[in-house]
N, C-alpha and C. Protein backbone atom coordinates (compact mmCIF):
# COMPACT_ATOMS: atom_id res chain seq x y z
N MET A 1 32.40 -8.88 5.82
CA MET A 1 31.57 -8.27 4.80
C MET A 1 32.41 -8.12 3.53
N ALA A 2 31.78 -8.41 2.40
CA ALA A 2 32.47 -8.31 1.11
C ALA A 2 32.83 -6.85 0.80
N ASN A 3 31.93 -5.94 1.12
CA ASN A 3 32.15 -4.52 0.88
C ASN A 3 32.46 -3.86 2.23
N PRO A 4 33.66 -3.30 2.40
CA PRO A 4 34.02 -2.71 3.70
C PRO A 4 33.17 -1.50 4.09
N ASP A 5 32.45 -0.90 3.13
CA ASP A 5 31.59 0.24 3.44
C ASP A 5 30.22 -0.17 3.97
N GLU A 6 29.87 -1.46 3.82
CA GLU A 6 28.57 -1.94 4.29
C GLU A 6 28.58 -2.12 5.80
N GLU A 7 27.48 -1.82 6.40
CA GLU A 7 27.29 -2.03 7.83
C GLU A 7 26.30 -3.18 8.02
N PRO A 8 26.59 -4.11 8.90
CA PRO A 8 25.60 -5.16 9.15
C PRO A 8 24.41 -4.59 9.91
N TYR A 9 23.25 -5.17 9.67
CA TYR A 9 22.04 -4.84 10.41
C TYR A 9 22.08 -5.67 11.68
N TRP A 10 21.48 -5.20 12.75
CA TRP A 10 21.45 -6.03 13.95
C TRP A 10 20.08 -5.96 14.61
N ILE A 11 19.76 -7.02 15.32
CA ILE A 11 18.55 -7.06 16.14
C ILE A 11 18.97 -7.46 17.55
N ARG A 12 18.28 -6.91 18.51
CA ARG A 12 18.54 -7.24 19.91
C ARG A 12 17.35 -8.01 20.43
N TRP A 13 17.60 -9.20 20.91
CA TRP A 13 16.56 -10.10 21.40
C TRP A 13 16.68 -10.16 22.91
N THR A 14 15.64 -9.71 23.62
CA THR A 14 15.71 -9.72 25.08
C THR A 14 15.21 -11.05 25.64
N GLY A 15 15.70 -11.39 26.80
CA GLY A 15 15.28 -12.62 27.47
C GLY A 15 16.13 -13.81 27.06
N LYS A 16 15.71 -14.96 27.53
CA LYS A 16 16.46 -16.20 27.30
C LYS A 16 15.58 -17.23 26.59
N SER A 17 14.95 -16.81 25.53
CA SER A 17 14.04 -17.68 24.78
C SER A 17 14.80 -18.77 24.03
N ARG A 18 14.06 -19.72 23.52
CA ARG A 18 14.65 -20.79 22.72
C ARG A 18 15.36 -20.22 21.50
N PHE A 19 14.74 -19.22 20.86
CA PHE A 19 15.35 -18.59 19.70
C PHE A 19 16.72 -18.02 20.06
N ALA A 20 16.81 -17.28 21.14
CA ALA A 20 18.08 -16.68 21.55
C ALA A 20 19.13 -17.74 21.87
N ARG A 21 18.71 -18.85 22.43
CA ARG A 21 19.65 -19.93 22.77
C ARG A 21 20.12 -20.69 21.54
N GLU A 22 19.21 -20.98 20.61
CA GLU A 22 19.52 -21.92 19.54
C GLU A 22 19.95 -21.30 18.21
N CYS A 23 19.61 -20.05 17.95
CA CYS A 23 20.01 -19.42 16.69
C CYS A 23 21.53 -19.23 16.71
N ARG A 24 22.16 -19.60 15.62
CA ARG A 24 23.62 -19.59 15.53
C ARG A 24 24.11 -18.80 14.32
N GLU A 25 25.37 -18.46 14.35
CA GLU A 25 26.01 -17.85 13.18
C GLU A 25 25.86 -18.81 12.01
N GLY A 26 25.50 -18.27 10.86
CA GLY A 26 25.29 -19.09 9.67
C GLY A 26 23.82 -19.43 9.44
N ASP A 27 22.98 -19.33 10.48
CA ASP A 27 21.55 -19.54 10.30
C ASP A 27 20.97 -18.36 9.51
N SER A 28 19.77 -18.54 8.96
CA SER A 28 19.08 -17.46 8.25
C SER A 28 17.84 -17.05 9.04
N ILE A 29 17.53 -15.77 8.96
CA ILE A 29 16.37 -15.21 9.64
C ILE A 29 15.50 -14.49 8.62
N ILE A 30 14.19 -14.74 8.68
CA ILE A 30 13.21 -13.97 7.91
C ILE A 30 12.58 -13.02 8.92
N ARG A 31 12.69 -11.71 8.66
CA ARG A 31 12.21 -10.72 9.61
C ARG A 31 10.84 -10.18 9.20
N ILE A 32 9.95 -10.09 10.18
CA ILE A 32 8.61 -9.52 9.97
C ILE A 32 8.64 -8.12 10.58
N TRP A 33 8.37 -7.10 9.75
CA TRP A 33 8.45 -5.72 10.20
C TRP A 33 7.07 -5.13 10.42
N ARG A 34 6.89 -4.53 11.59
CA ARG A 34 5.64 -3.85 11.93
C ARG A 34 6.01 -2.66 12.78
N SER A 35 5.52 -1.48 12.43
CA SER A 35 5.79 -0.31 13.26
C SER A 35 5.06 -0.49 14.59
N SER A 36 5.50 0.21 15.58
CA SER A 36 4.91 0.06 16.92
C SER A 36 3.44 0.47 16.95
N LYS A 37 2.99 1.29 16.00
CA LYS A 37 1.61 1.76 15.99
C LYS A 37 0.69 0.92 15.09
N ALA A 38 1.28 0.08 14.25
CA ALA A 38 0.49 -0.69 13.28
C ALA A 38 -0.04 -1.98 13.90
N HIS A 39 -1.22 -2.41 13.42
CA HIS A 39 -1.81 -3.67 13.87
C HIS A 39 -1.22 -4.83 13.07
N ARG A 40 -1.11 -4.64 11.75
CA ARG A 40 -0.59 -5.69 10.86
C ARG A 40 0.84 -5.35 10.46
N PRO A 41 1.64 -6.37 10.17
CA PRO A 41 2.98 -6.12 9.65
C PRO A 41 2.90 -5.40 8.30
N SER A 42 3.86 -4.54 8.04
CA SER A 42 3.86 -3.82 6.77
C SER A 42 4.79 -4.46 5.75
N ALA A 43 5.76 -5.25 6.20
CA ALA A 43 6.69 -5.90 5.27
C ALA A 43 7.32 -7.12 5.91
N VAL A 44 7.75 -8.02 5.06
CA VAL A 44 8.50 -9.19 5.49
C VAL A 44 9.81 -9.14 4.71
N LEU A 45 10.91 -9.19 5.43
CA LEU A 45 12.23 -9.09 4.81
C LEU A 45 12.81 -10.48 4.63
N GLY A 46 13.30 -10.74 3.43
CA GLY A 46 13.78 -12.07 3.06
C GLY A 46 14.90 -12.60 3.92
N GLY A 47 15.10 -13.89 3.84
CA GLY A 47 16.09 -14.57 4.65
C GLY A 47 17.47 -13.95 4.53
N THR A 48 18.07 -13.67 5.65
CA THR A 48 19.40 -13.09 5.70
C THR A 48 20.23 -13.83 6.74
N GLY A 49 21.50 -13.99 6.46
CA GLY A 49 22.35 -14.79 7.31
C GLY A 49 22.80 -14.09 8.58
N VAL A 50 22.91 -14.87 9.64
CA VAL A 50 23.44 -14.37 10.91
C VAL A 50 24.96 -14.40 10.82
N LEU A 51 25.59 -13.23 10.95
CA LEU A 51 27.04 -13.12 10.87
C LEU A 51 27.71 -13.35 12.21
N LEU A 52 27.07 -12.83 13.28
CA LEU A 52 27.67 -12.89 14.60
C LEU A 52 26.57 -12.89 15.66
N LYS A 53 26.78 -13.64 16.70
CA LYS A 53 25.86 -13.69 17.83
C LYS A 53 26.62 -13.20 19.05
N GLN A 54 26.06 -12.17 19.71
CA GLN A 54 26.71 -11.58 20.88
C GLN A 54 25.76 -11.71 22.06
N GLN A 55 26.18 -12.42 23.10
CA GLN A 55 25.31 -12.65 24.25
C GLN A 55 25.73 -11.79 25.44
N ALA A 56 24.72 -11.31 26.16
CA ALA A 56 24.91 -10.58 27.41
C ALA A 56 23.97 -11.21 28.43
N ALA A 57 23.94 -10.65 29.62
CA ALA A 57 23.14 -11.24 30.70
C ALA A 57 21.65 -11.34 30.36
N ASN A 58 21.06 -10.26 29.83
CA ASN A 58 19.61 -10.24 29.62
C ASN A 58 19.19 -10.07 28.16
N TRP A 59 20.14 -10.12 27.24
CA TRP A 59 19.81 -9.97 25.83
C TRP A 59 20.84 -10.65 24.96
N THR A 60 20.45 -10.86 23.71
CA THR A 60 21.35 -11.40 22.69
C THR A 60 21.24 -10.51 21.48
N ARG A 61 22.35 -10.13 20.91
CA ARG A 61 22.34 -9.32 19.69
C ARG A 61 22.81 -10.20 18.54
N PHE A 62 22.06 -10.13 17.43
CA PHE A 62 22.40 -10.86 16.22
C PHE A 62 22.75 -9.85 15.14
N TYR A 63 23.94 -9.98 14.58
CA TYR A 63 24.37 -9.13 13.47
C TYR A 63 24.06 -9.88 12.19
N LEU A 64 23.38 -9.20 11.27
CA LEU A 64 22.86 -9.85 10.07
C LEU A 64 23.47 -9.26 8.80
N ARG A 65 23.59 -10.11 7.80
CA ARG A 65 24.04 -9.68 6.48
C ARG A 65 22.97 -8.76 5.89
N PRO A 66 23.37 -7.66 5.23
CA PRO A 66 22.37 -6.77 4.60
C PRO A 66 21.55 -7.52 3.55
N SER A 67 20.28 -7.13 3.40
CA SER A 67 19.39 -7.76 2.42
C SER A 67 19.78 -7.35 1.02
N ASP A 68 19.45 -8.20 0.05
CA ASP A 68 19.79 -7.96 -1.34
C ASP A 68 18.68 -7.21 -2.08
N GLY A 69 18.94 -5.99 -2.49
CA GLY A 69 18.11 -5.26 -3.44
C GLY A 69 16.65 -5.07 -3.10
N ARG A 70 15.91 -4.65 -4.13
CA ARG A 70 14.51 -4.26 -3.93
C ARG A 70 13.58 -5.45 -3.74
N ARG A 71 13.99 -6.63 -4.15
CA ARG A 71 13.13 -7.80 -3.98
C ARG A 71 13.40 -8.50 -2.65
N ALA A 72 14.06 -7.79 -1.75
CA ALA A 72 14.38 -8.37 -0.45
C ALA A 72 13.16 -8.37 0.48
N GLU A 73 12.11 -7.63 0.10
CA GLU A 73 10.94 -7.61 0.98
C GLU A 73 9.66 -7.80 0.19
N MET A 74 8.63 -8.23 0.92
CA MET A 74 7.30 -8.39 0.32
C MET A 74 6.26 -8.00 1.35
N SER A 75 5.04 -7.84 0.89
CA SER A 75 3.95 -7.48 1.80
C SER A 75 3.59 -8.67 2.68
N TRP A 76 2.93 -8.39 3.78
CA TRP A 76 2.49 -9.43 4.71
C TRP A 76 1.55 -10.41 4.02
N GLY A 77 0.63 -9.90 3.22
CA GLY A 77 -0.32 -10.76 2.51
C GLY A 77 0.37 -11.70 1.54
N LYS A 78 1.33 -11.19 0.77
CA LYS A 78 2.07 -12.04 -0.16
C LYS A 78 2.88 -13.10 0.58
N PHE A 79 3.43 -12.73 1.73
CA PHE A 79 4.19 -13.69 2.52
C PHE A 79 3.29 -14.81 3.03
N GLN A 80 2.10 -14.47 3.47
CA GLN A 80 1.15 -15.49 3.93
C GLN A 80 0.80 -16.46 2.79
N LEU A 81 0.60 -15.92 1.58
CA LEU A 81 0.33 -16.78 0.42
C LEU A 81 1.53 -17.68 0.10
N LEU A 82 2.72 -17.13 0.17
CA LEU A 82 3.93 -17.91 -0.08
C LEU A 82 4.04 -19.07 0.91
N LEU A 83 3.76 -18.81 2.17
CA LEU A 83 3.82 -19.88 3.17
C LEU A 83 2.86 -21.01 2.83
N LYS A 84 1.64 -20.66 2.40
CA LYS A 84 0.68 -21.70 2.01
C LYS A 84 1.18 -22.49 0.81
N GLN A 85 1.76 -21.79 -0.17
CA GLN A 85 2.26 -22.45 -1.39
C GLN A 85 3.35 -23.48 -1.08
N VAL A 86 4.18 -23.20 -0.10
CA VAL A 86 5.29 -24.13 0.20
C VAL A 86 4.93 -25.15 1.27
N GLY A 87 3.70 -25.08 1.78
CA GLY A 87 3.23 -26.12 2.69
C GLY A 87 3.38 -25.86 4.17
N VAL A 88 3.53 -24.60 4.57
CA VAL A 88 3.59 -24.28 6.00
C VAL A 88 2.15 -24.23 6.51
N SER A 89 1.79 -25.17 7.36
CA SER A 89 0.42 -25.24 7.86
C SER A 89 0.25 -24.53 9.20
N LYS A 90 1.34 -24.32 9.92
CA LYS A 90 1.28 -23.66 11.22
C LYS A 90 1.00 -22.17 11.03
N ARG A 91 0.18 -21.61 11.92
CA ARG A 91 -0.13 -20.18 11.85
C ARG A 91 1.13 -19.36 12.13
N VAL A 92 1.40 -18.39 11.28
CA VAL A 92 2.54 -17.49 11.46
C VAL A 92 1.98 -16.09 11.64
N GLY A 93 2.22 -15.51 12.80
CA GLY A 93 1.75 -14.17 13.11
C GLY A 93 2.91 -13.20 13.20
N PRO A 94 2.61 -11.94 13.50
CA PRO A 94 3.65 -10.90 13.54
C PRO A 94 4.79 -11.19 14.53
N GLY A 95 4.52 -11.87 15.60
CA GLY A 95 5.57 -12.15 16.59
C GLY A 95 6.06 -13.58 16.58
N SER A 96 5.81 -14.30 15.51
CA SER A 96 6.15 -15.72 15.45
C SER A 96 7.66 -15.96 15.40
N VAL A 97 8.05 -17.02 16.07
CA VAL A 97 9.40 -17.55 15.96
C VAL A 97 9.20 -19.01 15.59
N LEU A 98 9.67 -19.40 14.42
CA LEU A 98 9.40 -20.73 13.90
C LEU A 98 10.66 -21.29 13.26
N LEU A 99 11.05 -22.48 13.69
CA LEU A 99 12.17 -23.16 13.08
C LEU A 99 11.65 -23.91 11.87
N LEU A 100 12.18 -23.59 10.69
CA LEU A 100 11.72 -24.22 9.46
C LEU A 100 12.57 -25.42 9.12
N GLU A 101 11.93 -26.46 8.63
CA GLU A 101 12.65 -27.62 8.12
C GLU A 101 13.45 -27.16 6.91
N PRO A 102 14.62 -27.76 6.67
CA PRO A 102 15.46 -27.32 5.54
C PRO A 102 14.75 -27.32 4.19
N ASP A 103 13.89 -28.30 3.92
CA ASP A 103 13.20 -28.33 2.62
C ASP A 103 12.21 -27.16 2.48
N ILE A 104 11.55 -26.79 3.56
CA ILE A 104 10.62 -25.64 3.53
C ILE A 104 11.41 -24.34 3.37
N ALA A 105 12.50 -24.20 4.10
CA ALA A 105 13.33 -22.99 3.99
C ALA A 105 13.86 -22.83 2.56
N GLU A 106 14.29 -23.92 1.95
CA GLU A 106 14.79 -23.86 0.57
C GLU A 106 13.67 -23.51 -0.41
N ALA A 107 12.47 -24.04 -0.19
CA ALA A 107 11.33 -23.73 -1.06
C ALA A 107 10.97 -22.24 -0.96
N ILE A 108 11.00 -21.69 0.24
CA ILE A 108 10.73 -20.25 0.42
C ILE A 108 11.79 -19.43 -0.31
N ALA A 109 13.06 -19.80 -0.15
CA ALA A 109 14.14 -19.06 -0.81
C ALA A 109 14.00 -19.12 -2.34
N ARG A 110 13.62 -20.26 -2.89
CA ARG A 110 13.47 -20.41 -4.34
C ARG A 110 12.35 -19.54 -4.87
N LYS A 111 11.25 -19.45 -4.14
CA LYS A 111 10.06 -18.74 -4.63
C LYS A 111 10.04 -17.26 -4.23
N TRP A 112 10.98 -16.84 -3.39
CA TRP A 112 10.93 -15.49 -2.82
C TRP A 112 10.93 -14.39 -3.89
N LYS A 113 11.87 -14.44 -4.82
CA LYS A 113 12.00 -13.34 -5.80
C LYS A 113 10.75 -13.17 -6.65
N SER A 114 10.17 -14.25 -7.12
CA SER A 114 8.97 -14.11 -7.95
C SER A 114 7.76 -13.68 -7.11
N ALA A 115 7.71 -14.10 -5.87
CA ALA A 115 6.59 -13.73 -5.00
C ALA A 115 6.69 -12.28 -4.55
N ALA A 116 7.91 -11.74 -4.45
CA ALA A 116 8.12 -10.37 -3.96
C ALA A 116 7.82 -9.30 -5.00
N LYS A 117 7.59 -9.67 -6.24
CA LYS A 117 7.33 -8.68 -7.31
C LYS A 117 6.12 -7.83 -7.02
């Protein structure tokens, strides 16, 4: 971490899914946030890099770089519009795990700040 006072964010992924097997340090993750009581996601957090992958018997923990500033998140509706704009035709829901082609991932990253306003 560039700033020693920063703490990385982490997610714990249970099971032995394809995502847990194939996601590597250096990959980026776009996180969809939904409280346990909500039907729809309340926010989508912009792409953040995987710093470390820690595997155990029944789970994998991914340590992530902290998100940048206030434009690091957008509403679920705006995210859905952004996906259409960059050409993602596959349905993306609250629990989706989707490997993006590099050109699509780059297009999302380029348009993220203006879409998050």
